[in-house]
Amino acid sequence: MRVLFITDNFPPEVNAPATRTFEHCREWVKQEADVTVITCAPNFPQGKVYPGYRNKLWHSEQMEGIRVVRVWTYITSNEGLIKRALDYLSFAILSFLAGLFIKTDIIIATSPQFFTTFSGFGLSCIKKKPWIFELRDLWPESIRAVGAIKSYRVYKVLERIELFLYRKSAKIVAVTDSFKRSLVKRGIPEDKIVVVTNGSNLDLFKPVEKNTEILQNLKLFNKFIIGYIGTHGMAHGLDFILNCATKTEDDVHFLFIGDGAEKKSLLRQSKELNLKNVSFIDPIPKECMPEYLSIIDVALVPLKKRDTFKTVIPSKIFEAAAMQKPILLGVEGESKSIVDKYKAGLCFDPENEKDFLFNLNYMRNNYTEFLSGCSCLTTDFDRKKKAKDMLDIMSDVNKRYMQ
């Protein structure tokens, strides 16, 4: 089966969408699928092309058996609605044009942003092939939740387009059950939607001893380390965490690894608060993440207190659990249900300082009681199993289309 996957995030980028797509595609190749990914020059989250790459009209490479076609896009940092719209639209157009020259049996387009799915829909119409909408976020609702869309009219137009694309896809693969319930409530047939959650790569993320070299370089010996690895964005509420850091015990240290639209503001806030128990590190390659995860005692996974975020499941929880790192979760809804069910950590009310400090203090003194829960969670969310589930869905869609 020839698979064409359209995504604007792909390695060497290290965010959750890039990781999910790459690890799924790699497993599909092992199952003898012929996989082509159309993406752009790696630039997330700074909006700067990574060393060794150029923003070219067309560039083709091989990555662990996956054919990767990179197309030109208008590259910008994740700041400003107009610039981001140009970024998204340019990728939709150029990925569509590139896709015209690639033979395939099935097309997958992933959101957010959902302009990517325009390309999948268009190619499906031209090529007369089925396409699958991979739903990783309820866009545009998620960007409205953080105030990136001010106009209600603009939001309603985007929502109508969103629903149109759901209906035109052959199948919708949602990453959470909450997403599925949301779509069903809005009139999308339940039997059209399947759920394939995120998971962790158990070959990469597994329990190891703390990396003493990193501890020494960061001068964090004898510290209880709360680690956050990921995008420093508008949705994550890291400014709240910094405010809480002023009220923790002396041996508690916060380690933030990554970049994003809010990082400059967070650095400025940390300096203004004169925080001595906070460290910021630039993004690290995916293969280095286990070494940095090894030094933390608790994995921090926060989001702002918004109803929309009750539907998401951050992939950070799976990677942390795989490395036996208990989770301090500031997300309501489905994520909380998972962490509570497996007893893999504690959940605090998002942006509630008293609740955060109480749970942090409890984990500081009792974090080993959550280790067995992390192991159970890891077993049920193995990325290889999830990739196989999605491949079975694609095969079924393709067979039904061929009949």
Protein backbone atom coordinates (compact mmCIF):
# COMPACT_ATOMS: atom_id res chain seq x y z
CA MET A 1 0.00 0.00 0.00
CA ARG A 2 1.32 3.41 -0.99
CA VAL A 3 0.75 6.02 1.71
CA LEU A 4 1.03 9.79 1.27
CA PHE A 5 1.22 11.66 4.58
CA ILE A 6 0.93 15.46 4.67
CA THR A 7 2.22 17.29 7.75
CA ASP A 8 4.00 20.57 8.42
CA ASN A 9 5.93 19.08 11.38
CA PHE A 10 8.51 16.34 10.93
CA PRO A 11 11.97 15.45 12.28
CA PRO A 12 14.48 16.84 12.94
CA GLU A 13 11.75 18.88 14.69
CA VAL A 14 11.04 17.33 18.07
CA ASN A 15 7.49 18.40 18.93
CA ALA A 16 4.70 15.88 19.52
CA PRO A 17 3.20 16.04 15.98
CA ALA A 18 6.58 15.44 14.35
CA THR A 19 7.35 12.54 16.66
CA ARG A 20 3.98 10.83 16.24
CA THR A 21 4.10 11.06 12.44
CA PHE A 22 7.70 9.85 12.17
CA GLU A 23 7.29 6.92 14.55
CA HIS A 24 4.06 5.82 12.89
CA CYS A 25 5.53 6.07 9.39
CA ARG A 26 8.65 4.17 10.43
CA GLU A 27 6.52 1.30 11.73
CA TRP A 28 4.42 1.28 8.55
CA VAL A 29 7.58 0.96 6.47
CA LYS A 30 8.56 -2.05 8.58
CA GLN A 31 5.17 -3.53 7.66
CA GLU A 32 6.13 -3.05 3.97
CA ALA A 33 4.06 0.06 3.28
CA ASP A 34 5.53 2.53 0.75
CA VAL A 35 5.42 5.82 2.68
CA THR A 36 5.98 9.34 1.39
CA VAL A 37 5.75 12.36 3.68
CA ILE A 38 5.26 15.87 2.33
CA THR A 39 6.48 18.46 4.79
CA CYS A 40 8.44 21.71 4.90
CA ALA A 41 11.96 22.73 5.90
CA PRO A 42 12.31 22.11 9.65
CA ASN A 43 11.81 25.41 11.48
CA PHE A 44 9.56 24.86 14.51
CA PRO A 45 9.27 26.57 16.98
CA GLN A 46 11.60 29.51 16.29
CA GLY A 47 10.58 30.03 12.67
CA LYS A 48 14.19 29.60 11.55
CA VAL A 49 15.35 26.90 9.17
CA TYR A 50 17.50 24.30 10.91
CA PRO A 51 21.21 24.06 10.01
CA GLY A 52 21.81 21.80 7.05
CA TYR A 53 18.45 22.61 5.43
CA ARG A 54 17.23 25.27 3.03
CA ASN A 55 13.73 26.54 2.31
CA LYS A 56 13.68 25.18 -1.24
CA LEU A 57 10.84 24.67 -3.69
CA TRP A 58 11.45 20.90 -3.61
CA HIS A 59 13.88 18.75 -1.68
CA SER A 60 13.71 14.97 -1.36
CA GLU A 61 15.50 12.76 1.18
CA GLN A 62 15.23 9.31 2.75
CA MET A 63 14.75 8.89 6.51
CA GLU A 64 14.68 5.30 7.82
CA GLY A 65 12.88 4.03 4.74
CA ILE A 66 10.48 6.99 4.53
CA ARG A 67 10.62 9.20 1.47
CA VAL A 68 10.49 12.80 2.74
CA VAL A 69 9.61 15.58 0.31
CA ARG A 70 10.14 19.10 1.67
CA VAL A 71 8.48 22.03 -0.07
CA TRP A 72 8.89 25.79 0.18
CA THR A 73 6.74 27.67 2.68
CA TYR A 74 6.49 31.18 4.06
CA ILE A 75 8.40 30.58 7.29
CA THR A 76 7.70 32.68 10.35
CA SER A 77 7.83 32.32 14.11
CA ASN A 78 4.61 31.40 15.91
CA GLU A 79 3.66 35.06 16.38
CA GLY A 80 1.02 37.15 14.60
CA LEU A 81 -2.18 35.84 13.04
CA ILE A 82 -1.52 37.10 9.49
CA LYS A 83 2.01 35.74 9.28
CA ARG A 84 0.94 32.38 10.64
CA ALA A 85 -1.94 32.26 8.18
CA LEU A 86 0.50 32.87 5.32
CA ASP A 87 2.72 30.12 6.67
CA TYR A 88 -0.17 27.65 6.86
CA LEU A 89 -1.68 28.57 3.49
CA SER A 90 1.65 28.43 1.68
CA PHE A 91 2.21 24.91 2.94
CA ALA A 92 -1.30 23.86 1.96
CA ILE A 93 -0.77 25.12 -1.59
CA LEU A 94 2.77 23.83 -2.10
CA SER A 95 2.06 20.43 -0.52
CA PHE A 96 -0.95 20.07 -2.81
CA LEU A 97 1.15 20.85 -5.88
CA ALA A 98 3.89 18.44 -4.77
CA GLY A 99 1.32 15.73 -4.10
CA LEU A 100 0.15 15.86 -7.71
CA PHE A 101 3.45 14.23 -8.71
CA ILE A 102 3.38 11.44 -6.12
CA LYS A 103 1.58 8.15 -6.72
CA THR A 104 -0.41 6.89 -3.78
CA ASP A 105 -3.24 4.62 -2.72
CA ILE A 106 -4.32 6.58 0.34
CA ILE A 107 -3.74 10.09 1.66
CA ILE A 108 -3.46 11.23 5.27
CA ALA A 109 -3.49 14.88 6.28
CA THR A 110 -2.96 15.88 9.88
CA SER A 111 -4.10 18.80 11.97
CA PRO A 112 -3.44 21.27 13.46
CA GLN A 113 -3.32 23.43 11.55
CA PHE A 114 -6.21 22.27 9.43
CA PHE A 115 -5.07 24.12 6.29
CA THR A 116 -2.93 21.01 5.85
CA THR A 117 -6.12 19.03 5.44
CA PHE A 118 -7.13 21.32 2.54
CA SER A 119 -4.26 19.73 0.67
CA GLY A 120 -5.39 16.22 1.55
CA PHE A 121 -8.95 16.94 0.45
CA GLY A 122 -7.82 18.56 -2.81
CA LEU A 123 -5.47 15.72 -3.71
CA SER A 124 -8.19 13.20 -2.92
CA CYS A 125 -10.51 14.91 -5.41
CA ILE A 126 -7.87 15.07 -8.16
CA LYS A 127 -6.40 11.61 -7.68
CA LYS A 128 -9.70 9.87 -6.87
CA LYS A 129 -8.13 8.31 -3.77
CA PRO A 130 -9.50 8.18 -0.21
CA TRP A 131 -8.12 10.54 2.41
CA ILE A 132 -7.99 10.32 6.19
CA PHE A 133 -8.26 13.33 8.48
CA GLU A 134 -5.92 12.80 11.46
CA LEU A 135 -7.35 14.98 14.20
CA ARG A 136 -4.71 16.02 16.75
CA ASP A 137 -6.40 19.21 17.96
CA LEU A 138 -9.82 20.84 17.77
CA TRP A 139 -8.61 23.66 15.58
CA PRO A 140 -9.80 26.49 15.39
CA GLU A 141 -11.33 26.06 18.87
CA SER A 142 -7.91 25.58 20.48
CA ILE A 143 -6.48 28.83 19.14
CA ARG A 144 -9.63 30.67 20.11
CA ALA A 145 -9.17 29.34 23.65
CA VAL A 146 -5.82 31.12 24.03
CA GLY A 147 -7.09 34.37 22.51
CA ALA A 148 -5.38 34.05 19.11
CA ILE A 149 -8.73 34.61 17.34
CA LYS A 150 -10.59 37.69 18.52
CA SER A 151 -13.30 37.87 15.83
CA TYR A 152 -16.31 35.63 16.36
CA ARG A 153 -17.16 35.87 12.65
CA VAL A 154 -13.71 34.67 11.63
CA TYR A 155 -13.99 31.80 14.09
CA LYS A 156 -17.40 30.72 12.73
CA VAL A 157 -16.10 30.75 9.14
CA LEU A 158 -13.15 28.57 10.14
CA GLU A 159 -15.45 26.24 12.07
CA ARG A 160 -17.68 25.75 9.01
CA ILE A 161 -14.62 24.86 6.96
CA GLU A 162 -13.51 22.47 9.70
CA LEU A 163 -16.85 20.61 9.66
CA PHE A 164 -16.85 20.50 5.86
CA LEU A 165 -13.45 18.77 5.85
CA TYR A 166 -14.56 16.24 8.47
CA ARG A 167 -17.52 15.28 6.30
CA LYS A 168 -15.45 14.99 3.12
CA SER A 169 -12.84 12.66 4.61
CA ALA A 170 -13.13 8.88 4.26
CA LYS A 171 -12.23 8.43 7.91
CA ILE A 172 -11.28 10.57 10.90
CA VAL A 173 -8.54 9.33 13.22
CA ALA A 174 -8.80 11.28 16.48
CA VAL A 175 -6.09 11.16 19.14
CA THR A 176 -8.53 11.33 22.07
CA ASP A 177 -11.98 10.01 22.92
CA SER A 178 -12.96 13.57 23.85
CA PHE A 179 -12.31 14.71 20.28
CA LYS A 180 -14.57 11.96 19.02
CA ARG A 181 -17.37 12.92 21.40
CA SER A 182 -17.06 16.57 20.34
CA LEU A 183 -17.40 15.69 16.67
CA VAL A 184 -20.37 13.41 17.26
CA LYS A 185 -22.14 16.19 19.16
CA ARG A 186 -21.60 18.42 16.13
CA GLY A 187 -23.18 15.99 13.70
CA ILE A 188 -20.29 13.87 12.44
CA PRO A 189 -21.32 10.16 12.23
CA GLU A 190 -19.83 8.17 15.09
CA ASP A 191 -18.86 5.22 12.89
CA LYS A 192 -16.71 7.53 10.78
CA ILE A 193 -14.40 8.33 13.72
CA VAL A 194 -11.81 6.04 15.29
CA VAL A 195 -9.45 6.86 18.14
CA VAL A 196 -5.71 6.17 18.04
CA THR A 197 -4.11 7.84 21.03
CA ASN A 198 -0.52 8.96 21.34
CA GLY A 199 2.00 6.72 23.04
CA SER A 200 5.71 6.41 23.67
CA ASN A 201 8.62 4.86 21.83
CA LEU A 202 9.71 2.19 24.29
CA ASP A 203 12.96 1.62 22.40
CA LEU A 204 14.00 5.22 23.16
CA PHE A 205 12.23 6.00 26.44
CA LYS A 206 12.98 3.53 29.22
CA PRO A 207 14.20 3.77 32.81
CA VAL A 208 17.90 4.69 33.17
CA GLU A 209 20.13 6.04 35.90
CA LYS A 210 20.41 9.81 36.26
CA ASN A 211 22.99 11.32 33.91
CA THR A 212 25.57 12.66 36.35
CA GLU A 213 27.37 14.68 33.67
CA ILE A 214 24.23 16.70 32.91
CA LEU A 215 23.53 17.13 36.63
CA GLN A 216 27.05 18.43 37.11
CA ASN A 217 26.90 20.80 34.14
CA LEU A 218 23.61 22.25 35.36
CA LYS A 219 24.76 22.26 39.00
CA LEU A 220 21.65 20.39 40.09
CA PHE A 221 23.05 17.72 42.39
CA ASN A 222 20.91 17.21 45.51
CA LYS A 223 17.97 19.03 43.96
CA PHE A 224 14.42 17.74 43.54
CA ILE A 225 13.96 18.55 39.85
CA ILE A 226 10.60 19.38 38.28
CA GLY A 227 11.12 19.06 34.53
CA TYR A 228 9.18 20.53 31.61
CA ILE A 229 10.26 19.54 28.09
CA GLY A 230 8.34 20.96 25.16
CA THR A 231 6.93 24.05 23.51
CA HIS A 232 6.85 27.24 25.58
CA GLY A 233 3.59 28.48 24.06
CA MET A 234 0.51 30.49 24.84
CA ALA A 235 -1.45 27.42 25.87
CA HIS A 236 0.94 26.07 28.48
CA GLY A 237 0.62 28.60 31.30
CA LEU A 238 4.31 28.49 32.22
CA ASP A 239 4.11 32.05 33.57
CA PHE A 240 1.87 30.63 36.31
CA ILE A 241 4.50 28.00 37.11
CA LEU A 242 7.19 30.67 37.48
CA ASN A 243 5.04 32.57 39.93
CA CYS A 244 4.62 29.39 41.96
CA ALA A 245 8.38 28.78 41.87
CA THR A 246 8.84 31.75 44.20
CA LYS A 247 7.04 29.80 46.95
CA THR A 248 8.68 26.37 46.86
CA GLU A 249 11.20 24.74 49.18
CA ASP A 250 14.90 25.48 48.67
CA ASP A 251 15.72 22.03 47.29
CA VAL A 252 13.07 22.21 44.53
CA HIS A 253 14.37 23.25 41.11
CA PHE A 254 12.40 23.84 37.90
CA LEU A 255 14.03 22.86 34.60
CA PHE A 256 12.45 24.13 31.35
CA ILE A 257 13.75 22.67 28.08
CA GLY A 258 12.50 23.92 24.72
CA ASP A 259 11.46 27.04 22.90
CA GLY A 260 8.34 28.80 21.71
CA ALA A 261 6.46 32.04 21.32
CA GLU A 262 6.41 32.74 25.07
CA LYS A 263 10.00 31.90 25.94
CA LYS A 264 11.34 35.47 25.76
CA SER A 265 8.56 36.62 28.04
CA LEU A 266 9.25 33.76 30.46
CA LEU A 267 12.97 34.58 30.59
CA ARG A 268 12.11 38.18 31.33
CA GLN A 269 9.65 37.16 34.05
CA SER A 270 12.20 34.84 35.66
CA LYS A 271 14.75 37.66 35.77
CA GLU A 272 12.24 40.11 37.23
CA LEU A 273 11.31 37.60 39.95
CA ASN A 274 15.00 36.92 40.58
CA LEU A 275 14.38 33.17 40.47
CA LYS A 276 17.41 31.13 41.48
CA ASN A 277 15.57 27.81 41.35
CA VAL A 278 14.71 27.92 37.63
CA SER A 279 16.84 26.95 34.62
CA PHE A 280 16.04 27.35 30.92
CA ILE A 281 17.70 25.20 28.25
CA ASP A 282 17.41 25.46 24.48
CA PRO A 283 15.67 22.67 22.53
CA ILE A 284 17.49 19.34 22.38
CA PRO A 285 17.41 16.60 19.72
CA LYS A 286 14.85 13.85 20.26
CA GLU A 287 17.52 11.23 20.78
CA CYS A 288 18.97 13.28 23.66
CA MET A 289 15.66 13.69 25.49
CA PRO A 290 15.97 10.49 27.55
CA GLU A 291 19.27 11.69 29.02
CA TYR A 292 17.66 14.94 30.16
CA LEU A 293 14.50 13.21 31.32
CA SER A 294 16.70 10.92 33.39
CA ILE A 295 17.79 13.74 35.70
CA ILE A 296 14.30 14.93 36.62
CA ASP A 297 12.30 13.57 39.52
CA VAL A 298 8.84 14.68 38.38
CA ALA A 299 7.54 15.53 34.89
CA LEU A 300 5.50 18.73 34.72
CA VAL A 301 2.64 18.82 32.20
CA PRO A 302 0.57 22.04 32.48
CA LEU A 303 -1.99 23.81 30.31
CA LYS A 304 -4.12 26.87 30.91
CA LYS A 305 -7.53 26.41 32.49
CA ARG A 306 -9.74 26.26 29.40
CA ASP A 307 -12.62 23.90 28.61
CA THR A 308 -11.05 23.15 25.22
CA PHE A 309 -7.98 21.64 26.85
CA LYS A 310 -10.10 19.07 28.68
CA THR A 311 -10.14 17.19 25.36
CA VAL A 312 -6.37 16.91 24.85
CA ILE A 313 -3.85 14.29 25.99
CA PRO A 314 -0.30 15.73 25.94
CA SER A 315 2.17 13.13 24.66
CA LYS A 316 4.60 14.21 27.39
CA ILE A 317 2.79 12.00 29.87
CA PHE A 318 3.58 8.84 27.90
CA GLU A 319 7.30 9.59 27.49
CA ALA A 320 7.65 10.53 31.16
CA ALA A 321 5.84 7.38 32.32
CA ALA A 322 8.02 5.22 30.09
CA MET A 323 11.06 6.58 31.94
CA GLN A 324 9.47 6.03 35.35
CA LYS A 325 9.01 9.74 35.99
CA PRO A 326 5.80 10.51 37.92
CA ILE A 327 3.60 13.17 36.34
CA LEU A 328 2.49 16.43 37.91
CA LEU A 329 -0.42 17.22 35.61
CA GLY A 330 -2.20 20.55 35.29
CA VAL A 331 -4.74 19.47 32.69
CA GLU A 332 -8.38 18.59 33.28
CA GLY A 333 -10.54 16.06 31.45
CA GLU A 334 -9.25 13.00 29.61
CA SER A 335 -5.58 13.49 30.56
CA LYS A 336 -6.50 13.62 34.24
CA SER A 337 -8.57 10.47 33.88
CA ILE A 338 -5.56 8.59 32.48
CA VAL A 339 -3.11 9.74 35.14
CA ASP A 340 -5.63 9.04 37.92
CA LYS A 341 -6.60 5.64 36.50
CA TYR A 342 -3.02 4.38 36.41
CA LYS A 343 -1.93 6.26 39.55
CA ALA A 344 1.02 7.57 37.54
CA GLY A 345 1.11 10.96 39.23
CA LEU A 346 -0.99 13.73 40.72
CA CYS A 347 -3.26 16.30 39.09
CA PHE A 348 -3.62 19.91 40.17
CA ASP A 349 -6.33 22.36 39.21
CA PRO A 350 -4.84 24.39 36.32
CA GLU A 351 -3.63 27.86 37.36
CA ASN A 352 -4.55 27.17 41.01
CA GLU A 353 -1.47 28.11 43.02
CA LYS A 354 -2.56 26.55 46.31
CA ASP A 355 -3.45 23.25 44.67
CA PHE A 356 -0.23 23.20 42.64
CA LEU A 357 1.99 23.79 45.67
CA PHE A 358 0.13 21.20 47.76
CA ASN A 359 0.50 18.47 45.11
CA LEU A 360 4.09 19.42 44.39
CA ASN A 361 4.98 19.11 48.06
CA TYR A 362 3.26 15.72 48.30
CA MET A 363 5.15 14.38 45.28
CA ARG A 364 8.40 15.71 46.65
CA ASN A 365 7.98 13.49 49.69
CA ASN A 366 6.18 10.49 48.15
CA TYR A 367 7.03 10.33 44.44
CA THR A 368 8.14 6.67 44.54
CA GLU A 369 4.58 5.52 45.18
CA PHE A 370 3.69 6.42 41.58
CA LEU A 371 6.39 4.36 39.84
CA SER A 372 4.37 1.17 39.43
CA GLY A 373 1.53 3.20 37.90
CA CYS A 374 3.95 4.63 35.36
CA SER A 375 4.89 1.09 34.30
CA CYS A 376 1.26 0.06 33.80
CA LEU A 377 0.49 3.17 31.78
CA THR A 378 3.51 2.56 29.56
CA THR A 379 2.44 -0.96 28.67
CA ASP A 380 -0.96 0.19 27.44
CA PHE A 381 0.35 3.10 25.38
CA ASP A 382 3.13 1.52 23.33
CA ARG A 383 3.65 3.57 20.15
CA LYS A 384 4.25 0.46 18.05
CA LYS A 385 0.82 -0.88 18.97
CA LYS A 386 -0.79 2.45 18.11
CA ALA A 387 0.98 2.58 14.74
CA LYS A 388 -0.28 -0.93 13.94
CA ASP A 389 -3.83 0.11 14.86
CA MET A 390 -3.64 3.04 12.45
CA LEU A 391 -2.17 0.93 9.66
CA ASP A 392 -5.09 -1.49 10.04
CA ILE A 393 -7.50 1.44 9.71
CA MET A 394 -5.78 2.64 6.54
CA SER A 395 -5.82 -0.85 5.04
CA ASP A 396 -9.53 -1.18 5.75
CA VAL A 397 -10.29 2.21 4.15
CA ASN A 398 -8.22 1.29 1.10
CA LYS A 399 -9.90 -2.11 0.69
CA ARG A 400 -13.38 -0.62 0.93
CA TYR A 401 -12.48 2.04 -1.61
CA MET A 402 -11.16 -0.61 -4.05
CA GLN A 403 -14.37 -2.67 -3.89
